[in-house]
Amino acid sequence: MPELVIHPRLVKALQAHTPEQLAGLEENLIDDEIVLDPIVYAVIDGKDIILDGMTRWELIQKNGLTNYRVELFPGIDSLDDAEDWVFYHQYNRRNAIQPAATRKLLGQRYNKIKGQRGGDRSKGQSELLADTKSASTAEVVAKEAGVDESTIKRAGKFAEALEKIQPKIAALIETGAIKGTDEAVRKLATLDKGKQEEIAREVRVGNAPNLQTAMKKKGYLRKPTKKKPKADADPWDNIATNIKDKLKSEIKPSDAELTRLSEYDMDKQREIVGLVGKAGVRNLGQAMGEFDGPPKDAAKQEIPAALQSVLMNRWYEQTEKTLKRIVVEAKVHLQKTPYWIKELSQLCDDLKDYAQAIGNCQPAVVCPACKGKKKDDKGQPCGWCQSSGVMPAWTYRDYKAKTSGKK
């Protein structure tokens, strides 16, 4: 039986696990009483180095399991070749791992090859780069992974930043437990240990949805400003490479929409383009409006603290729009022949479901028009709250807009 060893260099290429994932894997191994997947290893410098199954091996050792298999993978005789093998093995699983983990893998691959291009290389590395002497490192890795060069370069900076962040926090970012933009991750890497823990804690306890929000609240990250292209510049020059084909062949934006899209950074451009075709978003203009959220003036309106989390929530706005659409479609069906009955019945069911959803979140306040008395100053039934004494949130917004002179 080989004396299996876990090498620190290969551990870095693995996706981090959350405590819940580790606990689940351990529970499965103990319940099954057998380790189904083999532990794959290679003999390097006289040592039996594990290539695949490092986490399983640690759990096997911890729980004293004996029903497992090992397999020798021939042809790997250096740590550089072993790293290549682990990279490809992990990258081929990218659909089953978090996006941040995939970016870390690509970034590590890019940084490794970039560092080796000027120094000693293993046999595998020399063969990989022999036919790409004129190509940049980013081109080489981009061709391997099937992505564009800018994605590879950003992934390299992302991987470098994770190396400078405390391991526990970096693992939370990698597994998606803590979310943040590349800029936020790079900024976090420049902070000292205490500030990194402070920011991570803000996200973990729910005081902030992501790293960038937490750092802006603490003053560690400035709000980015949109870069406006020069008047004579071609907007296409500022568009991410991997979304150009979709824009040209499917979305076909107007010149104004394309110019506006080019003002966003490329990560945001991809998110915006990804919204087109979802949840009733029909064009690029709507996608940018959905991405930016409600207009600034709406946030300035006087809204009770108890309702702010509801009214500023995109889900709520989308629900309100959907309700209005259903009512409009119902009116259209009413004008048709008797064949509309079945369709209208379905619309009514949908309307009932959405109304129930709104009712469950209870977005209502005491009617400010009648002060909850259900009648106005003249003793007539209050029209604002329909004599209920309470005012729905969407009516409250209309009420405040009208009474303050806004449309």
Protein backbone atom coordinates (compact mmCIF):
# COMPACT_ATOMS: atom_id res chain seq x y z
CA MET A 1 0.00 0.00 0.00
CA PRO A 2 1.50 3.40 -1.00
CA GLU A 3 2.24 6.02 1.66
CA LEU A 4 -0.02 8.78 0.34
CA VAL A 5 1.02 12.41 0.78
CA ILE A 6 -0.89 15.67 0.26
CA HIS A 7 1.36 18.36 -1.26
CA PRO A 8 0.61 22.03 -0.37
CA ARG A 9 1.18 23.21 -3.96
CA LEU A 10 -1.61 20.98 -5.24
CA VAL A 11 -4.02 21.93 -2.44
CA LYS A 12 -4.03 25.51 -3.77
CA ALA A 13 -5.63 24.35 -7.04
CA LEU A 14 -8.60 22.77 -5.25
CA GLN A 15 -11.95 24.44 -4.62
CA ALA A 16 -12.45 25.34 -0.98
CA HIS A 17 -15.29 23.63 0.91
CA THR A 18 -17.77 25.17 3.30
CA PRO A 19 -18.12 23.50 6.73
CA GLU A 20 -21.56 22.27 5.62
CA GLN A 21 -20.11 20.63 2.49
CA LEU A 22 -17.36 18.92 4.48
CA ALA A 23 -19.85 17.70 7.07
CA GLY A 24 -22.11 16.31 4.33
CA LEU A 25 -19.24 14.51 2.60
CA GLU A 26 -18.05 13.03 5.89
CA GLU A 27 -21.55 11.87 6.78
CA ASN A 28 -21.94 10.17 3.38
CA LEU A 29 -18.61 8.34 3.69
CA ILE A 30 -19.47 7.07 7.17
CA ASP A 31 -23.02 6.00 6.19
CA ASP A 32 -21.88 4.26 2.98
CA GLU A 33 -19.00 2.54 4.80
CA ILE A 34 -17.15 2.63 1.47
CA VAL A 35 -15.30 5.32 -0.52
CA LEU A 36 -16.65 4.89 -4.03
CA ASP A 37 -14.21 7.17 -5.90
CA PRO A 38 -10.56 6.04 -5.87
CA ILE A 39 -7.69 8.10 -4.48
CA VAL A 40 -5.53 8.91 -7.53
CA TYR A 41 -1.80 9.46 -6.97
CA ALA A 42 1.49 9.81 -8.83
CA VAL A 43 5.05 8.97 -7.79
CA ILE A 44 7.08 12.20 -7.73
CA ASP A 45 10.64 12.30 -6.36
CA GLY A 46 10.02 9.00 -4.61
CA LYS A 47 6.83 10.19 -2.87
CA ASP A 48 3.23 9.05 -3.47
CA ILE A 49 1.59 12.45 -4.11
CA ILE A 50 -2.24 12.54 -4.22
CA LEU A 51 -3.66 14.09 -7.41
CA ASP A 52 -7.37 13.56 -6.79
CA GLY A 53 -9.13 12.76 -3.52
CA MET A 54 -7.20 14.93 -1.05
CA THR A 55 -10.32 15.87 0.94
CA ARG A 56 -11.54 12.25 0.88
CA TRP A 57 -8.13 11.07 2.12
CA GLU A 58 -8.21 13.46 5.09
CA LEU A 59 -11.69 12.18 6.04
CA ILE A 60 -10.58 8.57 5.59
CA GLN A 61 -7.69 9.17 7.99
CA LYS A 62 -9.87 11.05 10.46
CA ASN A 63 -12.57 8.34 10.64
CA GLY A 64 -10.33 5.28 10.29
CA LEU A 65 -12.10 4.03 7.13
CA THR A 66 -10.55 0.99 5.44
CA ASN A 67 -12.85 0.28 2.48
CA TYR A 68 -11.26 2.49 -0.20
CA ARG A 69 -9.22 2.11 -3.41
CA VAL A 70 -6.08 3.83 -4.71
CA GLU A 71 -4.98 4.18 -8.33
CA LEU A 72 -1.55 5.09 -9.69
CA PHE A 73 -1.59 7.62 -12.54
CA PRO A 74 1.51 7.01 -14.71
CA GLY A 75 3.44 9.59 -16.71
CA ILE A 76 3.57 12.34 -14.10
CA ASP A 77 7.03 12.79 -12.63
CA SER A 78 7.15 16.45 -11.54
CA LEU A 79 5.06 18.84 -9.45
CA ASP A 80 4.60 21.13 -12.47
CA ASP A 81 3.03 18.26 -14.42
CA ALA A 82 0.96 17.36 -11.37
CA GLU A 83 -0.33 20.94 -11.12
CA ASP A 84 -1.30 20.83 -14.81
CA TRP A 85 -3.18 17.56 -14.24
CA VAL A 86 -5.04 18.94 -11.21
CA PHE A 87 -5.91 22.14 -13.10
CA TYR A 88 -7.48 20.30 -16.05
CA HIS A 89 -9.25 17.85 -13.75
CA GLN A 90 -10.76 20.65 -11.65
CA TYR A 91 -11.55 22.89 -14.64
CA ASN A 92 -13.49 20.09 -16.34
CA ARG A 93 -15.72 20.10 -13.25
CA ARG A 94 -16.40 23.85 -13.54
CA ASN A 95 -20.15 23.41 -14.04
CA ALA A 96 -20.32 21.81 -10.60
CA ILE A 97 -18.24 24.40 -8.73
CA GLN A 98 -18.72 28.06 -7.84
CA PRO A 99 -17.83 30.71 -10.49
CA ALA A 100 -15.30 32.24 -8.10
CA ALA A 101 -13.53 28.89 -7.82
CA THR A 102 -13.34 28.62 -11.61
CA ARG A 103 -11.88 32.12 -11.84
CA LYS A 104 -9.30 31.22 -9.20
CA LEU A 105 -8.28 28.16 -11.23
CA LEU A 106 -7.87 30.19 -14.43
CA GLY A 107 -6.00 32.91 -12.57
CA GLN A 108 -3.59 30.45 -10.99
CA ARG A 109 -2.99 28.84 -14.38
CA TYR A 110 -2.29 32.23 -16.00
CA ASN A 111 0.01 33.41 -13.21
CA LYS A 112 1.92 30.12 -13.18
CA ILE A 113 2.61 30.06 -16.93
CA LYS A 114 3.42 33.79 -16.97
CA GLY A 115 6.01 33.19 -14.24
CA GLN A 116 7.52 30.17 -15.98
CA ARG A 117 7.89 31.77 -19.39
CA GLY A 118 11.05 33.48 -18.28
CA GLY A 119 12.54 30.68 -16.12
CA ASP A 120 12.98 26.95 -15.81
CA ARG A 121 10.13 24.87 -17.10
CA SER A 122 9.12 21.29 -16.75
CA LYS A 123 8.84 19.05 -19.77
CA GLY A 124 5.07 19.53 -19.87
CA GLN A 125 5.34 23.30 -19.72
CA SER A 126 7.99 23.39 -22.48
CA GLU A 127 5.74 21.34 -24.77
CA LEU A 128 2.75 23.55 -23.98
CA LEU A 129 4.57 26.76 -24.90
CA ALA A 130 6.74 25.47 -27.74
CA ASP A 131 4.17 26.29 -30.42
CA THR A 132 3.02 29.57 -28.86
CA LYS A 133 6.22 31.61 -28.68
CA SER A 134 4.65 34.58 -30.45
CA ALA A 135 1.43 34.45 -28.40
CA SER A 136 0.98 36.17 -25.07
CA THR A 137 0.42 34.11 -21.94
CA ALA A 138 -3.17 35.36 -21.78
CA GLU A 139 -3.75 34.12 -25.35
CA VAL A 140 -2.37 30.68 -24.48
CA VAL A 141 -4.58 30.23 -21.41
CA ALA A 142 -7.60 31.83 -23.08
CA LYS A 143 -7.36 29.33 -25.95
CA GLU A 144 -7.10 26.46 -23.46
CA ALA A 145 -10.14 27.59 -21.48
CA GLY A 146 -12.27 28.87 -24.36
CA VAL A 147 -12.64 32.41 -23.02
CA ASP A 148 -11.27 35.83 -24.00
CA GLU A 149 -7.92 37.26 -22.90
CA SER A 150 -9.42 39.99 -20.71
CA THR A 151 -11.20 37.33 -18.65
CA ILE A 152 -7.89 35.53 -18.09
CA LYS A 153 -6.05 38.69 -17.03
CA ARG A 154 -8.80 39.63 -14.55
CA ALA A 155 -8.75 36.07 -13.21
CA GLY A 156 -5.00 36.41 -12.65
CA LYS A 157 -5.48 39.52 -10.52
CA PHE A 158 -8.36 37.80 -8.70
CA ALA A 159 -6.18 34.78 -7.82
CA GLU A 160 -3.34 37.05 -6.64
CA ALA A 161 -5.78 38.92 -4.39
CA LEU A 162 -7.12 35.70 -2.84
CA GLU A 163 -3.54 34.73 -1.93
CA LYS A 164 -3.27 37.92 0.18
CA ILE A 165 -6.60 37.46 1.97
CA GLN A 166 -6.88 35.38 5.13
CA PRO A 167 -7.46 31.72 4.15
CA LYS A 168 -10.81 31.40 5.96
CA ILE A 169 -12.17 34.55 4.30
CA ALA A 170 -10.72 33.58 0.90
CA ALA A 171 -12.49 30.20 1.21
CA LEU A 172 -15.82 31.94 1.88
CA ILE A 173 -15.33 34.09 -1.24
CA GLU A 174 -14.36 31.07 -3.32
CA THR A 175 -17.39 29.02 -2.23
CA GLY A 176 -19.80 31.93 -2.83
CA ALA A 177 -20.68 32.37 0.86
CA ILE A 178 -19.31 35.91 0.58
CA LYS A 179 -19.90 37.67 -2.74
CA GLY A 180 -18.09 40.66 -4.19
CA THR A 181 -16.81 42.25 -7.38
CA ASP A 182 -13.21 41.77 -8.54
CA GLU A 183 -12.45 45.34 -7.49
CA ALA A 184 -13.81 44.69 -4.01
CA VAL A 185 -11.77 41.49 -3.63
CA ARG A 186 -8.58 43.26 -4.76
CA LYS A 187 -9.25 46.13 -2.34
CA LEU A 188 -9.92 43.69 0.51
CA ALA A 189 -6.52 42.12 -0.15
CA THR A 190 -4.81 45.46 0.58
CA LEU A 191 -6.42 45.81 4.03
CA ASP A 192 -4.85 44.53 7.23
CA LYS A 193 -6.06 41.37 8.99
CA GLY A 194 -8.38 43.19 11.40
CA LYS A 195 -10.13 45.17 8.66
CA GLN A 196 -10.53 42.05 6.51
CA GLU A 197 -12.29 40.31 9.41
CA GLU A 198 -14.45 43.39 10.03
CA ILE A 199 -15.64 43.53 6.40
CA ALA A 200 -16.24 39.77 6.20
CA ARG A 201 -18.25 39.88 9.43
CA GLU A 202 -20.50 42.64 8.03
CA VAL A 203 -21.43 40.39 5.10
CA ARG A 204 -21.74 37.18 7.12
CA VAL A 205 -24.18 38.64 9.68
CA GLY A 206 -26.33 40.25 6.99
CA ASN A 207 -25.45 43.91 7.55
CA ALA A 208 -24.31 44.13 3.92
CA PRO A 209 -25.19 41.96 0.88
CA ASN A 210 -21.65 41.89 -0.50
CA LEU A 211 -18.06 43.06 -0.01
CA GLN A 212 -18.34 46.28 -1.99
CA THR A 213 -21.36 47.47 0.00
CA ALA A 214 -19.65 46.66 3.31
CA MET A 215 -16.46 48.49 2.29
CA LYS A 216 -18.36 51.55 1.05
CA LYS A 217 -20.17 51.75 4.41
CA LYS A 218 -16.81 51.64 6.21
CA GLY A 219 -15.21 54.10 3.81
CA TYR A 220 -12.69 51.61 2.39
CA LEU A 221 -14.04 51.70 -1.15
CA ARG A 222 -15.14 54.69 -3.18
CA LYS A 223 -18.19 54.52 -5.40
CA PRO A 224 -16.93 54.08 -8.98
CA THR A 225 -17.83 56.70 -11.54
CA LYS A 226 -18.88 55.81 -15.06
CA LYS A 227 -16.25 56.54 -17.67
CA LYS A 228 -17.78 58.36 -20.58
CA PRO A 229 -16.20 57.54 -23.92
CA LYS A 230 -14.90 60.30 -26.17
CA ALA A 231 -17.42 61.80 -28.56
CA ASP A 232 -15.63 60.40 -31.62
CA ALA A 233 -14.93 56.97 -30.08
CA ASP A 234 -16.56 53.79 -31.41
CA PRO A 235 -18.73 52.30 -28.58
CA TRP A 236 -17.84 48.80 -29.79
CA ASP A 237 -14.24 49.40 -28.68
CA ASN A 238 -15.44 49.50 -25.05
CA ILE A 239 -17.68 46.41 -25.23
CA ALA A 240 -16.61 43.05 -23.72
CA THR A 241 -15.40 40.66 -26.43
CA ASN A 242 -17.51 37.66 -25.45
CA ILE A 243 -20.85 39.52 -25.70
CA LYS A 244 -20.29 41.29 -29.03
CA ASP A 245 -21.64 38.42 -31.14
CA LYS A 246 -24.84 38.21 -29.08
CA LEU A 247 -25.33 41.97 -29.29
CA LYS A 248 -24.88 42.02 -33.06
CA SER A 249 -26.84 38.90 -33.99
CA GLU A 250 -29.60 38.70 -31.34
CA ILE A 251 -30.13 41.88 -29.32
CA LYS A 252 -29.27 44.45 -32.03
CA PRO A 253 -29.20 47.54 -29.77
CA SER A 254 -29.76 51.08 -30.96
CA ASP A 255 -26.78 53.45 -31.13
CA ALA A 256 -27.96 55.19 -27.95
CA GLU A 257 -28.29 51.87 -26.06
CA LEU A 258 -24.86 50.71 -27.22
CA THR A 259 -23.22 53.98 -26.18
CA ARG A 260 -24.83 53.79 -22.76
CA LEU A 261 -23.75 50.13 -22.34
CA SER A 262 -20.14 51.03 -23.20
CA GLU A 263 -20.04 53.34 -20.15
CA TYR A 264 -20.29 50.34 -17.78
CA ASP A 265 -17.26 48.23 -16.90
CA MET A 266 -17.10 44.91 -18.76
CA ASP A 267 -18.22 42.72 -15.83
CA LYS A 268 -21.40 44.79 -15.52
CA GLN A 269 -21.89 44.69 -19.30
CA ARG A 270 -22.04 40.88 -19.14
CA GLU A 271 -24.58 40.98 -16.31
CA ILE A 272 -26.76 43.47 -18.20
CA VAL A 273 -26.72 41.48 -21.45
CA GLY A 274 -27.58 38.36 -19.45
CA LEU A 275 -30.81 40.04 -18.26
CA VAL A 276 -32.20 40.42 -21.80
CA GLY A 277 -34.93 37.85 -22.36
CA LYS A 278 -35.54 37.21 -18.66
CA ALA A 279 -38.51 38.35 -16.54
CA GLY A 280 -40.08 40.39 -19.33
CA VAL A 281 -36.87 42.28 -20.22
CA ARG A 282 -37.18 42.63 -23.99
CA ASN A 283 -34.31 44.93 -24.98
CA LEU A 284 -31.01 46.37 -23.82
CA GLY A 285 -32.56 49.60 -22.55
CA GLN A 286 -34.89 47.71 -20.22
CA ALA A 287 -31.99 45.52 -19.06
CA MET A 288 -29.93 48.56 -18.09
CA GLY A 289 -32.93 50.05 -16.28
CA GLU A 290 -33.45 46.78 -14.40
CA PHE A 291 -29.75 46.60 -13.53
CA ASP A 292 -29.57 50.19 -12.25
CA GLY A 293 -32.72 49.80 -10.13
CA PRO A 294 -35.25 52.54 -9.32
CA PRO A 295 -34.39 56.16 -10.25
CA LYS A 296 -32.60 58.30 -7.67
CA ASP A 297 -35.62 60.57 -7.19
CA ALA A 298 -37.72 57.60 -6.04
CA ALA A 299 -35.27 56.89 -3.24
CA LYS A 300 -35.62 60.46 -1.97
CA GLN A 301 -39.39 60.20 -1.41
CA GLU A 302 -40.54 60.01 2.16
CA ILE A 303 -41.11 56.33 2.92
CA PRO A 304 -41.75 54.84 6.38
CA ALA A 305 -38.76 52.88 7.69
CA ALA A 306 -40.87 49.73 7.98
CA LEU A 307 -41.60 49.85 4.23
CA GLN A 308 -38.20 50.83 2.86
CA SER A 309 -36.94 47.26 2.55
CA VAL A 310 -40.12 46.35 0.64
CA LEU A 311 -40.43 49.35 -1.67
CA MET A 312 -36.74 49.41 -2.59
CA ASN A 313 -36.75 45.68 -3.37
CA ARG A 314 -36.62 44.73 -7.06
CA TRP A 315 -38.85 41.75 -6.43
CA TYR A 316 -41.59 44.06 -5.19
CA GLU A 317 -41.30 46.39 -8.19
CA GLN A 318 -41.42 43.45 -10.58
CA THR A 319 -44.48 42.05 -8.79
CA GLU A 320 -46.28 45.38 -9.09
CA LYS A 321 -45.47 45.55 -12.81
CA THR A 322 -46.67 41.99 -13.31
CA LEU A 323 -49.97 42.71 -11.57
CA LYS A 324 -50.59 45.70 -13.81
CA ARG A 325 -49.74 43.62 -16.90
CA ILE A 326 -52.16 40.88 -15.86
CA VAL A 327 -54.98 43.37 -15.40
CA VAL A 328 -54.31 44.92 -18.83
CA GLU A 329 -54.26 41.49 -20.49
CA ALA A 330 -57.50 40.57 -18.73
CA LYS A 331 -59.20 43.66 -20.16
CA VAL A 332 -57.99 42.73 -23.65
CA HIS A 333 -59.39 39.20 -23.29
CA LEU A 334 -62.75 40.57 -22.14
CA GLN A 335 -63.17 42.23 -25.52
CA LYS A 336 -62.69 38.97 -27.41
CA THR A 337 -65.01 36.12 -28.31
CA PRO A 338 -66.14 33.47 -25.75
CA TYR A 339 -62.88 31.59 -26.36
CA TRP A 340 -61.21 33.93 -23.88
CA ILE A 341 -62.88 32.32 -20.86
CA LYS A 342 -60.24 29.65 -20.23
CA GLU A 343 -57.36 32.10 -20.68
CA LEU A 344 -59.00 34.67 -18.40
CA SER A 345 -59.48 32.01 -15.74
CA GLN A 346 -55.74 31.33 -15.77
CA LEU A 347 -55.00 35.04 -15.54
CA CYS A 348 -57.29 35.34 -12.54
CA ASP A 349 -55.48 32.47 -10.83
CA ASP A 350 -52.17 34.24 -11.47
CA LEU A 351 -53.60 37.48 -10.13
CA LYS A 352 -54.75 35.71 -6.99
CA ASP A 353 -51.30 34.20 -6.45
CA TYR A 354 -49.55 37.55 -6.83
CA ALA A 355 -52.04 39.26 -4.57
CA GLN A 356 -51.44 36.59 -1.95
CA ALA A 357 -47.69 37.11 -2.26
CA ILE A 358 -48.08 40.83 -1.65
CA GLY A 359 -50.44 40.16 1.24
CA ASN A 360 -47.91 37.86 2.86
CA CYS A 361 -45.30 40.62 3.06
CA GLN A 362 -47.95 43.03 4.50
CA PRO A 363 -46.78 46.24 2.75
CA ALA A 364 -49.39 48.58 4.34
CA VAL A 365 -49.51 51.53 6.74
CA VAL A 366 -52.23 53.35 8.62
CA CYS A 367 -53.97 55.51 6.02
CA PRO A 368 -52.47 59.04 6.33
CA ALA A 369 -55.50 60.55 4.54
CA CYS A 370 -58.10 59.50 7.15
CA LYS A 371 -55.62 58.60 9.91
CA GLY A 372 -57.14 55.14 10.15
CA LYS A 373 -60.70 56.42 10.79
CA LYS A 374 -61.98 55.05 7.43
CA LYS A 375 -63.79 58.34 6.70
CA ASP A 376 -62.59 61.70 5.46
CA ASP A 377 -63.13 65.09 7.14
CA LYS A 378 -66.64 65.34 5.62
CA GLY A 379 -67.68 61.99 7.03
CA GLN A 380 -67.59 60.32 3.63
CA PRO A 381 -65.89 56.92 3.04
CA CYS A 382 -62.15 57.43 2.50
CA GLY A 383 -61.31 56.87 -1.16
CA TRP A 384 -57.59 56.43 -0.57
CA CYS A 385 -57.90 53.35 1.62
CA GLN A 386 -61.34 52.22 0.40
CA SER A 387 -62.69 52.67 3.96
CA SER A 388 -60.25 50.05 5.29
CA GLY A 389 -58.18 52.37 7.49
CA VAL A 390 -54.93 51.05 6.01
CA MET A 391 -53.13 52.05 2.82
CA PRO A 392 -51.20 49.62 0.59
CA ALA A 393 -47.60 50.55 -0.07
CA TRP A 394 -48.10 51.34 -3.76
CA THR A 395 -51.05 53.60 -2.92
CA TYR A 396 -48.95 55.32 -0.27
CA ARG A 397 -46.36 56.22 -2.89
CA ASP A 398 -49.08 57.70 -5.15
CA TYR A 399 -50.56 59.55 -2.17
CA LYS A 400 -47.24 61.14 -1.19
CA ALA A 401 -46.46 62.05 -4.78
CA LYS A 402 -49.84 63.72 -5.28
CA THR A 403 -49.95 65.56 -1.96
CA SER A 404 -46.39 66.87 -2.48
CA GLY A 405 -47.20 68.09 -6.00
CA LYS A 406 -45.17 65.43 -7.82
CA LYS A 407 -46.50 63.40 -10.71
